[in-house]
């Protein structure tokens, strides 16, 4: 079974459109697509799409401007799963400036986080007790505001990233 062909049809500041095609007559029941990107060099993010059938063009939205993305895909066929194929694309535009974060302990189990940055976007707040945990499996929350209160364990030191 050959890997599928991923073709980037178009991209913008906040979306990528791509098509998937098999170069064989093997019947395809669907595809599994992963979109990877790195957040602030500390955290790799992933979005998974399960696509049934052979829809010609797929669009992934809510992406970040001027950010490298890796798209990987494999096909589900009547004979089994195909090998992976990959394509890389960088969205257009100017990447937003990194927010300036301030974290202040409210009490032993609550931290008030506030930051600067553009309006009408979604912010992710990541926190952990070590750099390794921050990279591998941080606690996280999202918000469209510029502040949030995070509940933490008492008697621990935390690292925060927005």
Protein backbone atom coordinates (compact mmCIF):
# COMPACT_ATOMS: atom_id res chain seq x y z
CA UNK A 1 0.00 0.00 0.00
CA UNK A 2 1.58 3.34 -0.97
CA UNK A 3 1.33 6.40 1.29
CA UNK A 4 -1.27 9.02 0.35
CA UNK A 5 -0.23 12.15 -1.55
CA UNK A 6 -0.84 15.32 0.49
CA UNK A 7 -1.11 18.44 -1.63
CA UNK A 8 -1.37 21.91 -0.07
CA UNK A 9 -4.01 23.67 -2.14
CA UNK A 10 -3.80 27.05 -0.37
CA UNK A 11 -2.90 28.70 2.92
CA UNK A 12 -3.48 32.01 4.66
CA UNK A 13 -2.67 33.62 7.99
CA UNK A 14 -5.04 31.34 9.88
CA UNK A 15 -5.86 28.32 7.70
CA UNK A 16 -4.48 25.61 5.43
CA UNK A 17 -6.43 23.80 2.71
CA UNK A 18 -5.10 20.47 1.45
CA UNK A 19 -6.16 17.47 -0.58
CA UNK A 20 -5.45 13.77 -0.08
CA UNK A 21 -5.14 11.26 -2.88
CA UNK A 22 -4.04 7.67 -3.28
CA UNK A 23 -2.03 6.64 -6.35
CA UNK A 24 -3.50 3.13 -6.36
CA UNK A 25 -6.81 1.42 -7.07
CA UNK A 26 -7.08 0.12 -3.50
CA UNK A 27 -10.39 1.23 -1.96
CA UNK A 28 -9.91 3.93 0.69
CA UNK A 29 -12.38 4.10 3.57
CA UNK A 30 -10.84 7.24 5.06
CA UNK A 31 -7.76 9.05 6.29
CA UNK A 32 -6.24 10.00 9.61
CA UNK A 33 -4.48 13.38 9.52
CA UNK A 34 -2.30 14.94 12.23
CA UNK A 35 -1.34 18.61 12.18
CA UNK A 36 1.68 19.41 14.38
CA UNK A 37 3.17 22.73 15.42
CA UNK A 38 5.53 23.87 18.17
CA UNK A 39 4.33 26.30 20.77
CA UNK A 40 7.10 28.61 22.05
CA UNK A 41 9.76 25.85 21.61
CA UNK A 42 8.48 24.22 24.82
CA UNK A 43 5.39 22.37 23.72
CA UNK A 44 4.46 20.51 20.57
CA UNK A 45 0.76 20.78 19.81
CA UNK A 46 -1.26 18.38 17.67
CA UNK A 47 -4.70 18.36 16.10
CA UNK A 48 -6.07 15.09 14.72
CA UNK A 49 -8.67 14.81 11.97
CA UNK A 50 -10.43 11.56 11.12
CA UNK A 51 -11.77 11.88 7.59
CA UNK A 52 -14.33 9.37 6.35
CA UNK A 53 -14.46 8.66 2.63
CA UNK A 54 -12.56 10.59 -0.01
CA UNK A 55 -13.65 14.22 0.29
CA UNK A 56 -11.47 16.20 -2.16
CA UNK A 57 -10.32 19.25 -0.13
CA UNK A 58 -9.98 19.75 3.62
CA UNK A 59 -9.53 23.04 5.45
CA UNK A 60 -7.95 23.47 8.88
CA UNK A 61 -8.76 26.85 10.46
CA UNK A 62 -7.90 28.71 13.68
CA UNK A 63 -4.16 28.54 13.03
CA UNK A 64 -1.48 31.10 13.89
CA UNK A 65 0.10 33.43 11.32
CA UNK A 66 3.70 32.78 10.17
CA UNK A 67 3.92 29.43 11.96
CA UNK A 68 5.44 26.21 10.57
CA UNK A 69 2.99 23.29 10.46
CA UNK A 70 3.61 19.64 9.65
CA UNK A 71 0.75 17.65 8.17
CA UNK A 72 1.02 13.87 8.28
CA UNK A 73 -1.57 11.44 6.95
CA UNK A 74 -2.23 7.79 6.38
CA UNK A 75 -5.03 6.06 4.54
CA UNK A 76 -7.36 3.40 5.90
CA UNK A 77 -7.91 0.84 3.16
CA UNK A 78 -9.56 -2.54 2.69
CA UNK A 79 -6.06 -4.08 2.96
CA UNK A 80 -5.02 -2.16 6.09
CA UNK A 81 -3.41 1.17 6.92
CA UNK A 82 -0.97 2.83 4.52
CA UNK A 83 2.43 4.25 5.50
CA UNK A 84 2.60 7.89 6.60
CA UNK A 85 3.25 10.80 4.30
CA UNK A 86 4.28 14.30 5.36
CA UNK A 87 4.15 17.85 4.08
CA UNK A 88 5.34 21.10 5.67
CA UNK A 89 3.83 24.55 5.25
CA UNK A 90 4.31 27.94 6.93
CA UNK A 91 1.20 30.08 7.24
CA UNK A 92 1.41 33.58 5.78
CA UNK A 93 1.32 36.89 7.62
CA UNK A 94 3.18 38.14 10.66
CA UNK A 95 3.38 36.02 13.76
CA UNK A 96 1.74 37.74 16.75
CA UNK A 97 4.10 39.07 19.40
CA UNK A 98 4.50 36.85 22.44
CA UNK A 99 2.29 37.98 25.32
CA UNK A 100 3.93 39.48 28.41
CA UNK A 101 2.81 37.31 31.33
CA UNK A 102 2.55 38.24 35.00
CA UNK A 103 1.67 35.57 37.57
CA UNK A 104 0.81 36.50 41.15
CA UNK A 105 -0.11 34.16 43.99
CA UNK A 106 -3.55 35.02 45.40
CA UNK A 107 -3.29 32.42 48.17
CA UNK A 108 -1.68 28.97 48.62
CA UNK A 109 -3.81 27.33 45.91
CA UNK A 110 -4.64 30.12 43.43
CA UNK A 111 -2.48 32.11 41.01
CA UNK A 112 -3.80 35.13 39.11
CA UNK A 113 -2.30 35.22 35.60
CA UNK A 114 -2.56 38.31 33.41
CA UNK A 115 -0.92 39.20 30.11
CA UNK A 116 -0.85 41.64 27.23
CA UNK A 117 -1.69 40.78 23.65
CA UNK A 118 -4.21 41.19 20.85
CA UNK A 119 -7.96 40.97 21.43
CA UNK A 120 -10.33 38.41 19.89
CA UNK A 121 -7.89 35.49 20.02
CA UNK A 122 -7.73 32.36 22.14
CA UNK A 123 -4.91 32.17 24.67
CA UNK A 124 -3.55 28.95 26.14
CA UNK A 125 -2.16 29.02 29.68
CA UNK A 126 0.23 26.16 30.43
CA UNK A 127 1.69 25.44 33.87
CA UNK A 128 3.74 22.75 35.57
CA UNK A 129 6.14 22.17 38.45
CA UNK A 130 9.18 21.51 36.19
CA UNK A 131 10.43 22.32 32.69
CA UNK A 132 10.16 18.64 31.78
CA UNK A 133 6.51 18.50 32.86
CA UNK A 134 5.88 21.85 31.10
CA UNK A 135 7.19 20.29 27.88
CA UNK A 136 5.66 16.81 28.16
CA UNK A 137 2.32 17.14 29.93
CA UNK A 138 1.50 20.53 31.40
CA UNK A 139 -1.78 21.48 32.98
CA UNK A 140 -3.55 23.93 30.70
CA UNK A 141 -6.59 26.06 30.18
CA UNK A 142 -7.76 28.40 27.43
CA UNK A 143 -9.50 31.75 27.47
CA UNK A 144 -10.23 34.72 25.21
CA UNK A 145 -9.67 37.21 28.04
CA UNK A 146 -6.36 38.66 29.25
CA UNK A 147 -6.45 37.15 32.72
CA UNK A 148 -7.48 34.02 34.54
CA UNK A 149 -7.11 32.43 37.95
CA UNK A 150 -5.42 29.05 37.97
CA UNK A 151 -5.89 26.59 40.81
CA UNK A 152 -2.68 24.80 41.87
CA UNK A 153 -1.47 22.43 44.58
CA UNK A 154 -0.23 24.02 47.79
CA UNK A 155 3.49 23.94 48.69
CA UNK A 156 4.63 23.67 45.05
CA UNK A 157 6.50 26.07 42.77
CA UNK A 158 5.04 26.44 39.26
CA UNK A 159 6.24 27.59 35.85
CA UNK A 160 3.69 29.42 33.71
CA UNK A 161 3.52 29.99 29.96
CA UNK A 162 0.86 31.83 27.93
